[in-house]
């Protein structure tokens, strides 16, 4: 959280970054999507598009930090920051999604026990792969079909616990 607002941080392709940086207005077509896996894990995807490039933030709605972000998004300001394909440059831009639009996604924020969170975390690589396909989220600009996609996943806190256990021999 920065200056009383959340900032989601991710990384995009050089091509998309260059177009975003060159845009006179730092507002980009935006979409909020809720989705669920067959095993019952819920996710939000926040997509931004410029021309035929789309960036997608993947947020696991079973994670406590993400739940706090979604709760605050229903009442407060959020922003986004995307970097230039691992370089030190970044662009910060405001959120265009209305606070009211986050309410249905907030309803998808359900607590999960640690074992269920671990199972959900293990399937995230498949979800990221699926989100990498241009057709997974429809174009936000009718005149520009999506051709290039970058995905930034917010990793759940359970990953820290799993890695700690693996690194320090507490898991088998």
N, C-alpha and C. Protein backbone atom coordinates (compact mmCIF):
# COMPACT_ATOMS: atom_id res chain seq x y z
N UNK A 1 0.86 -1.16 0.00
CA UNK A 1 0.00 0.00 0.00
C UNK A 1 0.91 1.24 0.00
N UNK A 2 0.57 2.21 -0.84
CA UNK A 2 1.34 3.43 -0.96
C UNK A 2 0.40 4.62 -0.87
N UNK A 3 0.72 5.58 -0.01
CA UNK A 3 -0.12 6.78 0.14
C UNK A 3 -1.60 6.43 0.28
N UNK A 4 -1.88 5.48 1.17
CA UNK A 4 -3.26 5.09 1.45
C UNK A 4 -3.97 4.46 0.25
N UNK A 5 -3.23 3.92 -0.70
CA UNK A 5 -3.85 3.16 -1.78
C UNK A 5 -2.94 2.00 -2.16
N UNK A 6 -3.58 0.97 -2.61
CA UNK A 6 -2.86 -0.22 -3.06
C UNK A 6 -2.30 0.04 -4.46
N UNK A 7 -1.14 -0.54 -4.73
CA UNK A 7 -0.56 -0.49 -6.07
C UNK A 7 -0.20 -1.93 -6.46
N UNK A 8 -0.88 -2.45 -7.47
CA UNK A 8 -0.54 -3.77 -8.00
C UNK A 8 0.65 -3.60 -8.94
N UNK A 9 1.68 -4.41 -8.73
CA UNK A 9 2.89 -4.28 -9.53
C UNK A 9 3.10 -5.53 -10.37
N UNK A 10 3.45 -5.32 -11.63
CA UNK A 10 3.70 -6.42 -12.54
C UNK A 10 4.73 -6.02 -13.58
N UNK A 11 4.86 -6.84 -14.59
CA UNK A 11 5.85 -6.61 -15.64
C UNK A 11 5.20 -6.93 -16.98
N UNK A 12 5.50 -6.15 -17.97
CA UNK A 12 4.93 -6.35 -19.28
C UNK A 12 6.03 -6.42 -20.34
N UNK A 13 5.66 -6.74 -21.54
CA UNK A 13 6.64 -6.84 -22.62
C UNK A 13 7.19 -5.47 -22.98
N UNK A 14 8.36 -5.45 -23.59
CA UNK A 14 8.95 -4.18 -24.05
C UNK A 14 8.01 -3.48 -25.02
N UNK A 15 7.39 -4.27 -25.91
CA UNK A 15 6.49 -3.71 -26.91
C UNK A 15 5.32 -2.99 -26.25
N UNK A 16 4.67 -3.64 -25.30
CA UNK A 16 3.52 -3.03 -24.63
C UNK A 16 3.97 -1.84 -23.79
N UNK A 17 5.07 -2.00 -23.08
CA UNK A 17 5.58 -0.90 -22.26
C UNK A 17 5.84 0.33 -23.10
N UNK A 18 6.47 0.13 -24.25
CA UNK A 18 6.78 1.26 -25.13
C UNK A 18 5.51 1.98 -25.58
N UNK A 19 4.48 1.21 -25.93
CA UNK A 19 3.21 1.83 -26.35
C UNK A 19 2.56 2.56 -25.18
N UNK A 20 2.60 1.96 -23.98
CA UNK A 20 2.01 2.61 -22.82
C UNK A 20 2.76 3.90 -22.48
N UNK A 21 4.07 3.84 -22.53
CA UNK A 21 4.89 5.00 -22.22
C UNK A 21 4.65 6.13 -23.22
N UNK A 22 4.44 5.76 -24.48
CA UNK A 22 4.22 6.76 -25.53
C UNK A 22 2.80 7.31 -25.57
N UNK A 23 1.90 6.73 -24.81
CA UNK A 23 0.51 7.19 -24.80
C UNK A 23 0.42 8.54 -24.10
N UNK A 24 -0.28 9.47 -24.73
CA UNK A 24 -0.42 10.79 -24.12
C UNK A 24 -1.27 10.75 -22.86
N UNK A 25 -2.25 9.86 -22.85
CA UNK A 25 -3.08 9.67 -21.65
C UNK A 25 -2.66 8.37 -21.00
N UNK A 26 -2.50 8.39 -19.72
CA UNK A 26 -2.12 7.16 -19.01
C UNK A 26 -3.38 6.45 -18.49
N UNK A 27 -4.35 6.29 -19.37
CA UNK A 27 -5.53 5.49 -19.08
C UNK A 27 -5.60 4.42 -20.14
N UNK A 28 -5.88 3.21 -19.71
CA UNK A 28 -5.87 2.08 -20.63
C UNK A 28 -7.15 1.27 -20.43
N UNK A 29 -7.63 0.69 -21.52
CA UNK A 29 -8.82 -0.15 -21.44
C UNK A 29 -8.58 -1.20 -20.37
N UNK A 30 -9.59 -1.40 -19.51
CA UNK A 30 -9.43 -2.26 -18.33
C UNK A 30 -10.65 -3.14 -18.16
N UNK A 31 -10.39 -4.36 -17.67
CA UNK A 31 -11.49 -5.31 -17.42
C UNK A 31 -11.17 -6.09 -16.16
N UNK A 32 -12.20 -6.32 -15.35
CA UNK A 32 -12.10 -7.17 -14.17
C UNK A 32 -12.90 -8.44 -14.44
N UNK A 33 -12.25 -9.59 -14.26
CA UNK A 33 -12.89 -10.88 -14.52
C UNK A 33 -12.73 -11.75 -13.28
N UNK A 34 -13.79 -12.42 -12.89
CA UNK A 34 -13.72 -13.42 -11.83
C UNK A 34 -13.78 -14.80 -12.47
N UNK A 35 -13.01 -15.74 -11.92
CA UNK A 35 -13.03 -17.10 -12.46
C UNK A 35 -12.80 -18.10 -11.35
N UNK A 36 -13.25 -19.33 -11.56
CA UNK A 36 -13.09 -20.40 -10.58
C UNK A 36 -12.55 -21.64 -11.28
N UNK A 37 -11.77 -22.41 -10.54
CA UNK A 37 -11.29 -23.68 -11.07
C UNK A 37 -12.30 -24.77 -10.72
N UNK A 38 -12.15 -25.91 -11.35
CA UNK A 38 -13.08 -27.03 -11.07
C UNK A 38 -12.94 -27.50 -9.63
N UNK A 39 -11.78 -27.22 -8.99
CA UNK A 39 -11.58 -27.62 -7.60
C UNK A 39 -12.04 -26.56 -6.60
N UNK A 40 -12.60 -25.44 -7.11
CA UNK A 40 -13.19 -24.46 -6.22
C UNK A 40 -12.31 -23.30 -5.80
N UNK A 41 -11.12 -23.16 -6.39
CA UNK A 41 -10.29 -21.99 -6.10
C UNK A 41 -10.78 -20.83 -6.96
N UNK A 42 -10.84 -19.64 -6.37
CA UNK A 42 -11.35 -18.47 -7.09
C UNK A 42 -10.20 -17.49 -7.36
N UNK A 43 -10.28 -16.85 -8.53
CA UNK A 43 -9.27 -15.90 -8.95
C UNK A 43 -9.93 -14.67 -9.56
N UNK A 44 -9.24 -13.56 -9.49
CA UNK A 44 -9.63 -12.36 -10.24
C UNK A 44 -8.53 -12.11 -11.25
N UNK A 45 -8.92 -11.59 -12.40
CA UNK A 45 -7.97 -11.19 -13.42
C UNK A 45 -8.28 -9.74 -13.77
N UNK A 46 -7.28 -8.89 -13.66
CA UNK A 46 -7.43 -7.49 -14.06
C UNK A 46 -6.59 -7.32 -15.32
N UNK A 47 -7.27 -6.99 -16.42
CA UNK A 47 -6.61 -6.87 -17.72
C UNK A 47 -6.54 -5.42 -18.14
N UNK A 48 -5.41 -5.06 -18.75
CA UNK A 48 -5.23 -3.74 -19.35
C UNK A 48 -4.79 -3.96 -20.80
N UNK A 49 -5.29 -3.11 -21.68
CA UNK A 49 -4.95 -3.29 -23.09
C UNK A 49 -4.62 -1.97 -23.75
N UNK A 50 -3.62 -2.02 -24.61
CA UNK A 50 -3.30 -0.92 -25.51
C UNK A 50 -3.02 -1.54 -26.87
N UNK A 51 -3.70 -1.06 -27.87
CA UNK A 51 -3.67 -1.65 -29.21
C UNK A 51 -3.91 -3.15 -29.11
N UNK A 52 -2.99 -3.99 -29.63
CA UNK A 52 -3.24 -5.43 -29.61
C UNK A 52 -2.46 -6.15 -28.50
N UNK A 53 -2.00 -5.40 -27.51
CA UNK A 53 -1.25 -5.96 -26.38
C UNK A 53 -2.11 -5.90 -25.11
N UNK A 54 -2.12 -7.00 -24.37
CA UNK A 54 -2.88 -7.05 -23.14
C UNK A 54 -1.99 -7.55 -22.00
N UNK A 55 -2.10 -6.90 -20.86
CA UNK A 55 -1.43 -7.36 -19.65
C UNK A 55 -2.51 -7.82 -18.69
N UNK A 56 -2.24 -8.95 -18.01
CA UNK A 56 -3.23 -9.53 -17.09
C UNK A 56 -2.60 -9.78 -15.72
N UNK A 57 -3.20 -9.20 -14.69
CA UNK A 57 -2.83 -9.50 -13.31
C UNK A 57 -3.69 -10.67 -12.84
N UNK A 58 -3.06 -11.71 -12.31
CA UNK A 58 -3.79 -12.84 -11.75
C UNK A 58 -3.73 -12.73 -10.23
N UNK A 59 -4.90 -12.69 -9.59
CA UNK A 59 -4.98 -12.55 -8.14
C UNK A 59 -5.72 -13.74 -7.53
N UNK A 60 -5.04 -14.51 -6.67
CA UNK A 60 -5.72 -15.64 -6.01
C UNK A 60 -6.62 -15.12 -4.90
N UNK A 61 -7.91 -15.29 -5.05
CA UNK A 61 -8.87 -14.73 -4.11
C UNK A 61 -8.92 -15.48 -2.78
N UNK A 62 -8.18 -16.56 -2.64
CA UNK A 62 -8.11 -17.29 -1.37
C UNK A 62 -6.98 -16.76 -0.48
N UNK A 63 -6.17 -15.85 -0.99
CA UNK A 63 -5.06 -15.29 -0.23
C UNK A 63 -5.52 -14.10 0.61
N UNK A 64 -5.10 -14.03 1.86
CA UNK A 64 -5.55 -12.96 2.77
C UNK A 64 -5.18 -11.57 2.28
N UNK A 65 -3.96 -11.41 1.73
CA UNK A 65 -3.56 -10.08 1.23
C UNK A 65 -4.42 -9.67 0.05
N UNK A 66 -4.67 -10.60 -0.84
CA UNK A 66 -5.51 -10.30 -2.00
C UNK A 66 -6.93 -9.97 -1.54
N UNK A 67 -7.43 -10.69 -0.55
CA UNK A 67 -8.76 -10.40 -0.02
C UNK A 67 -8.81 -8.98 0.55
N UNK A 68 -7.76 -8.55 1.24
CA UNK A 68 -7.70 -7.18 1.78
C UNK A 68 -7.68 -6.17 0.63
N UNK A 69 -6.92 -6.46 -0.41
CA UNK A 69 -6.87 -5.59 -1.59
C UNK A 69 -8.26 -5.45 -2.21
N UNK A 70 -8.95 -6.57 -2.41
CA UNK A 70 -10.28 -6.54 -3.02
C UNK A 70 -11.26 -5.79 -2.13
N UNK A 71 -11.20 -6.03 -0.81
CA UNK A 71 -12.09 -5.30 0.12
C UNK A 71 -11.85 -3.79 0.00
N UNK A 72 -10.58 -3.38 -0.02
CA UNK A 72 -10.26 -1.96 -0.12
C UNK A 72 -10.63 -1.40 -1.49
N UNK A 73 -10.54 -2.23 -2.53
CA UNK A 73 -10.90 -1.77 -3.87
C UNK A 73 -12.38 -1.46 -3.97
N UNK A 74 -13.21 -2.07 -3.11
CA UNK A 74 -14.65 -1.79 -3.15
C UNK A 74 -14.96 -0.42 -2.54
N UNK A 75 -14.00 0.17 -1.86
CA UNK A 75 -14.26 1.46 -1.22
C UNK A 75 -13.18 2.51 -1.50
N UNK A 76 -12.01 2.08 -1.93
CA UNK A 76 -10.91 3.03 -2.04
C UNK A 76 -10.23 3.03 -3.39
N UNK A 77 -9.15 3.78 -3.41
CA UNK A 77 -8.39 3.94 -4.64
C UNK A 77 -7.30 2.88 -4.76
N UNK A 78 -7.11 2.42 -5.98
CA UNK A 78 -6.01 1.52 -6.28
C UNK A 78 -5.32 2.03 -7.54
N UNK A 79 -4.11 1.58 -7.75
CA UNK A 79 -3.36 1.95 -8.94
C UNK A 79 -2.57 0.74 -9.41
N UNK A 80 -1.92 0.88 -10.54
CA UNK A 80 -1.15 -0.20 -11.13
C UNK A 80 0.23 0.33 -11.51
N UNK A 81 1.21 -0.55 -11.45
CA UNK A 81 2.54 -0.23 -11.92
C UNK A 81 3.02 -1.41 -12.75
N UNK A 82 3.47 -1.13 -13.96
CA UNK A 82 4.05 -2.18 -14.78
C UNK A 82 5.46 -1.78 -15.17
N UNK A 83 6.34 -2.77 -15.12
CA UNK A 83 7.73 -2.56 -15.50
C UNK A 83 7.95 -2.95 -16.95
N UNK A 84 9.12 -2.58 -17.42
CA UNK A 84 9.51 -2.81 -18.81
C UNK A 84 10.32 -4.10 -18.92
N UNK A 85 9.65 -5.23 -18.94
CA UNK A 85 10.27 -6.53 -19.18
C UNK A 85 11.55 -6.75 -18.37
N UNK A 86 11.47 -6.50 -17.08
CA UNK A 86 12.60 -6.74 -16.19
C UNK A 86 13.58 -5.58 -16.07
N UNK A 87 13.40 -4.53 -16.84
CA UNK A 87 14.29 -3.36 -16.76
C UNK A 87 13.88 -2.50 -15.56
N UNK A 88 14.60 -1.42 -15.34
CA UNK A 88 14.34 -0.58 -14.17
C UNK A 88 13.25 0.47 -14.43
N UNK A 89 12.75 0.57 -15.64
CA UNK A 89 11.69 1.54 -15.94
C UNK A 89 10.33 1.00 -15.53
N UNK A 90 9.44 1.91 -15.13
CA UNK A 90 8.08 1.50 -14.78
C UNK A 90 7.12 2.66 -15.05
N UNK A 91 5.87 2.29 -15.23
CA UNK A 91 4.79 3.26 -15.42
C UNK A 91 3.75 3.00 -14.33
N UNK A 92 3.28 4.07 -13.71
CA UNK A 92 2.21 3.96 -12.72
C UNK A 92 0.98 4.63 -13.32
N UNK A 93 -0.16 3.97 -13.20
CA UNK A 93 -1.39 4.56 -13.74
C UNK A 93 -2.56 4.21 -12.84
N UNK A 94 -3.58 5.04 -12.91
CA UNK A 94 -4.75 4.91 -12.05
C UNK A 94 -5.69 3.80 -12.52
N UNK A 95 -6.52 3.39 -11.61
CA UNK A 95 -7.52 2.36 -11.84
C UNK A 95 -8.75 2.97 -12.50
N UNK A 96 -9.29 2.30 -13.50
CA UNK A 96 -10.53 2.75 -14.14
C UNK A 96 -11.73 1.91 -13.73
N UNK A 97 -11.50 0.83 -13.00
CA UNK A 97 -12.60 -0.04 -12.59
C UNK A 97 -13.34 0.62 -11.43
N UNK A 98 -14.63 0.72 -11.52
CA UNK A 98 -15.40 1.34 -10.44
C UNK A 98 -15.34 0.48 -9.18
N UNK A 99 -15.42 1.13 -8.05
CA UNK A 99 -15.41 0.40 -6.78
C UNK A 99 -16.56 -0.61 -6.74
N UNK A 100 -17.69 -0.23 -7.29
CA UNK A 100 -18.87 -1.10 -7.31
C UNK A 100 -18.63 -2.39 -8.10
N UNK A 101 -17.79 -2.30 -9.12
CA UNK A 101 -17.49 -3.48 -9.95
C UNK A 101 -16.72 -4.55 -9.18
N UNK A 102 -16.05 -4.16 -8.10
CA UNK A 102 -15.30 -5.12 -7.31
C UNK A 102 -16.19 -5.91 -6.35
N UNK A 103 -17.42 -5.46 -6.13
CA UNK A 103 -18.30 -6.12 -5.15
C UNK A 103 -18.56 -7.60 -5.50
N UNK A 104 -18.92 -7.95 -6.75
CA UNK A 104 -19.13 -9.38 -7.05
C UNK A 104 -17.85 -10.22 -6.87
N UNK A 105 -16.70 -9.63 -7.18
CA UNK A 105 -15.44 -10.34 -7.00
C UNK A 105 -15.16 -10.50 -5.51
N UNK A 106 -15.50 -9.50 -4.71
CA UNK A 106 -15.31 -9.60 -3.26
C UNK A 106 -16.13 -10.77 -2.70
N UNK A 107 -17.29 -11.01 -3.29
CA UNK A 107 -18.13 -12.13 -2.83
C UNK A 107 -17.47 -13.48 -3.12
N UNK A 108 -16.53 -13.51 -4.05
CA UNK A 108 -15.81 -14.75 -4.39
C UNK A 108 -14.65 -15.02 -3.43
N UNK A 109 -14.32 -14.06 -2.58
CA UNK A 109 -13.22 -14.21 -1.62
C UNK A 109 -13.68 -15.12 -0.48
N UNK A 110 -13.30 -16.35 -0.55
CA UNK A 110 -13.70 -17.34 0.45
C UNK A 110 -12.46 -17.87 1.15
N UNK A 111 -12.53 -18.03 2.47
CA UNK A 111 -11.39 -18.61 3.17
C UNK A 111 -11.19 -20.07 2.75
N UNK A 112 -9.94 -20.49 2.69
CA UNK A 112 -9.60 -21.88 2.41
C UNK A 112 -8.59 -22.33 3.45
N UNK A 113 -8.68 -23.58 3.87
CA UNK A 113 -7.67 -24.06 4.81
C UNK A 113 -6.33 -24.16 4.09
N UNK A 114 -5.27 -24.31 4.87
CA UNK A 114 -3.92 -24.28 4.31
C UNK A 114 -3.69 -25.38 3.27
N UNK A 115 -4.20 -26.58 3.51
CA UNK A 115 -4.03 -27.66 2.54
C UNK A 115 -4.70 -27.33 1.20
N UNK A 116 -5.90 -26.78 1.26
CA UNK A 116 -6.61 -26.39 0.04
C UNK A 116 -5.87 -25.26 -0.68
N UNK A 117 -5.30 -24.32 0.09
CA UNK A 117 -4.51 -23.25 -0.52
C UNK A 117 -3.28 -23.81 -1.22
N UNK A 118 -2.62 -24.77 -0.60
CA UNK A 118 -1.45 -25.38 -1.22
C UNK A 118 -1.84 -26.08 -2.53
N UNK A 119 -2.94 -26.80 -2.51
CA UNK A 119 -3.42 -27.47 -3.73
C UNK A 119 -3.71 -26.44 -4.82
N UNK A 120 -4.38 -25.35 -4.44
CA UNK A 120 -4.70 -24.30 -5.40
C UNK A 120 -3.43 -23.66 -5.95
N UNK A 121 -2.46 -23.43 -5.07
CA UNK A 121 -1.21 -22.81 -5.50
C UNK A 121 -0.50 -23.69 -6.52
N UNK A 122 -0.57 -25.00 -6.35
CA UNK A 122 0.10 -25.93 -7.26
C UNK A 122 -0.50 -25.87 -8.67
N UNK A 123 -1.78 -25.49 -8.78
CA UNK A 123 -2.40 -25.42 -10.11
C UNK A 123 -2.23 -24.03 -10.75
N UNK A 124 -1.61 -23.09 -10.03
CA UNK A 124 -1.48 -21.73 -10.58
C UNK A 124 -0.68 -21.70 -11.87
N UNK A 125 0.33 -22.55 -12.01
CA UNK A 125 1.12 -22.53 -13.24
C UNK A 125 0.26 -22.86 -14.45
N UNK A 126 -0.72 -23.74 -14.27
CA UNK A 126 -1.63 -24.08 -15.36
C UNK A 126 -2.54 -22.90 -15.69
N UNK A 127 -2.97 -22.19 -14.66
CA UNK A 127 -3.83 -21.03 -14.87
C UNK A 127 -3.05 -19.92 -15.57
N UNK A 128 -1.80 -19.70 -15.15
CA UNK A 128 -0.95 -18.69 -15.80
C UNK A 128 -0.76 -19.05 -17.26
N UNK A 129 -0.49 -20.32 -17.53
CA UNK A 129 -0.32 -20.77 -18.92
C UNK A 129 -1.59 -20.51 -19.73
N UNK A 130 -2.74 -20.84 -19.14
CA UNK A 130 -4.01 -20.62 -19.82
C UNK A 130 -4.25 -19.13 -20.09
N UNK A 131 -3.93 -18.29 -19.10
CA UNK A 131 -4.12 -16.84 -19.26
C UNK A 131 -3.17 -16.23 -20.28
N UNK A 132 -2.11 -16.94 -20.60
CA UNK A 132 -1.14 -16.44 -21.59
C UNK A 132 -1.66 -16.52 -23.01
N UNK A 133 -2.74 -17.24 -23.23
CA UNK A 133 -3.32 -17.36 -24.56
C UNK A 133 -4.15 -16.12 -24.88
N UNK A 134 -3.92 -15.49 -26.02
CA UNK A 134 -4.62 -14.24 -26.37
C UNK A 134 -6.14 -14.32 -26.27
N UNK A 135 -6.76 -15.43 -26.63
CA UNK A 135 -8.21 -15.52 -26.65
C UNK A 135 -8.86 -15.78 -25.30
N UNK A 136 -8.08 -15.99 -24.25
CA UNK A 136 -8.67 -16.32 -22.94
C UNK A 136 -9.51 -15.17 -22.38
N UNK A 137 -9.04 -13.95 -22.53
CA UNK A 137 -9.81 -12.76 -22.13
C UNK A 137 -10.11 -12.00 -23.44
N UNK A 138 -11.35 -11.72 -23.70
CA UNK A 138 -11.68 -11.03 -24.95
C UNK A 138 -10.99 -9.67 -25.06
N UNK A 139 -10.87 -9.22 -26.29
CA UNK A 139 -10.28 -7.91 -26.51
C UNK A 139 -11.09 -6.83 -25.80
N UNK A 140 -10.43 -5.82 -25.33
CA UNK A 140 -11.08 -4.69 -24.69
C UNK A 140 -11.26 -3.54 -25.68
N UNK A 141 -10.66 -3.71 -26.85
CA UNK A 141 -10.73 -2.71 -27.91
C UNK A 141 -11.17 -3.42 -29.19
N UNK A 142 -12.40 -3.24 -29.58
CA UNK A 142 -12.98 -3.99 -30.69
C UNK A 142 -12.11 -3.95 -31.94
N UNK A 143 -11.53 -2.81 -32.21
CA UNK A 143 -10.73 -2.66 -33.44
C UNK A 143 -9.33 -3.27 -33.34
N UNK A 144 -8.97 -3.78 -32.15
CA UNK A 144 -7.64 -4.36 -31.95
C UNK A 144 -7.75 -5.73 -31.28
N UNK A 145 -7.77 -6.81 -32.05
CA UNK A 145 -7.79 -8.14 -31.43
C UNK A 145 -6.49 -8.37 -30.65
N UNK A 146 -6.58 -9.11 -29.57
CA UNK A 146 -5.40 -9.38 -28.72
C UNK A 146 -4.47 -10.34 -29.46
N UNK A 147 -3.21 -9.92 -29.59
CA UNK A 147 -2.19 -10.78 -30.20
C UNK A 147 -1.07 -11.11 -29.23
N UNK A 148 -0.79 -10.17 -28.31
CA UNK A 148 0.33 -10.34 -27.40
C UNK A 148 -0.16 -10.20 -25.96
N UNK A 149 0.26 -11.12 -25.10
CA UNK A 149 -0.20 -11.14 -23.72
C UNK A 149 0.99 -11.29 -22.78
N UNK A 150 0.94 -10.56 -21.69
CA UNK A 150 1.86 -10.79 -20.57
C UNK A 150 1.01 -10.97 -19.32
N UNK A 151 1.48 -11.81 -18.41
CA UNK A 151 0.74 -12.13 -17.20
C UNK A 151 1.64 -11.89 -16.00
N UNK A 152 1.12 -11.21 -15.00
CA UNK A 152 1.79 -11.04 -13.70
C UNK A 152 0.91 -11.69 -12.65
N UNK A 153 1.45 -12.68 -11.97
CA UNK A 153 0.69 -13.40 -10.95
C UNK A 153 1.10 -12.92 -9.57
N UNK A 154 0.11 -12.61 -8.77
CA UNK A 154 0.35 -12.30 -7.36
C UNK A 154 0.40 -13.65 -6.65
N UNK A 155 1.55 -13.98 -6.12
CA UNK A 155 1.72 -15.29 -5.50
C UNK A 155 1.12 -15.28 -4.10
N UNK A 156 0.41 -16.36 -3.74
CA UNK A 156 -0.22 -16.42 -2.43
C UNK A 156 0.80 -16.58 -1.31
N UNK A 157 0.45 -16.11 -0.13
CA UNK A 157 1.34 -16.20 1.03
C UNK A 157 1.68 -17.63 1.39
N UNK A 158 0.81 -18.57 1.08
CA UNK A 158 1.07 -19.97 1.41
C UNK A 158 2.35 -20.45 0.73
N UNK A 159 2.72 -19.83 -0.39
CA UNK A 159 3.97 -20.20 -1.06
C UNK A 159 5.17 -19.99 -0.15
N UNK A 160 5.17 -18.91 0.62
CA UNK A 160 6.27 -18.64 1.55
C UNK A 160 6.38 -19.77 2.58
N UNK A 161 5.26 -20.19 3.12
CA UNK A 161 5.28 -21.29 4.10
C UNK A 161 5.77 -22.58 3.47
N UNK A 162 5.30 -22.89 2.26
CA UNK A 162 5.71 -24.12 1.58
C UNK A 162 7.21 -24.09 1.30
N UNK A 163 7.70 -22.99 0.77
CA UNK A 163 9.14 -22.88 0.48
C UNK A 163 9.97 -22.98 1.75
N UNK A 164 9.53 -22.34 2.80
CA UNK A 164 10.25 -22.41 4.08
C UNK A 164 10.35 -23.86 4.54
N UNK A 165 9.25 -24.58 4.50
CA UNK A 165 9.24 -25.97 4.93
C UNK A 165 10.14 -26.84 4.05
N UNK A 166 10.11 -26.60 2.74
CA UNK A 166 10.94 -27.38 1.83
C UNK A 166 12.41 -27.06 2.08
N UNK A 167 12.74 -25.79 2.18
CA UNK A 167 14.15 -25.40 2.36
C UNK A 167 14.72 -25.84 3.70
N UNK A 168 13.89 -25.89 4.71
CA UNK A 168 14.39 -26.24 6.03
C UNK A 168 14.01 -27.66 6.43
N UNK A 169 13.65 -28.50 5.43
CA UNK A 169 13.46 -29.92 5.64
C UNK A 169 12.26 -30.33 6.45
N UNK A 170 11.25 -29.49 6.52
CA UNK A 170 10.10 -29.84 7.33
C UNK A 170 9.03 -30.55 6.50
N UNK A 171 9.23 -30.62 5.20
CA UNK A 171 8.28 -31.28 4.30
C UNK A 171 8.95 -32.51 3.72
N UNK A 172 8.14 -33.44 3.34
CA UNK A 172 8.71 -34.67 2.76
C UNK A 172 8.36 -34.77 1.31
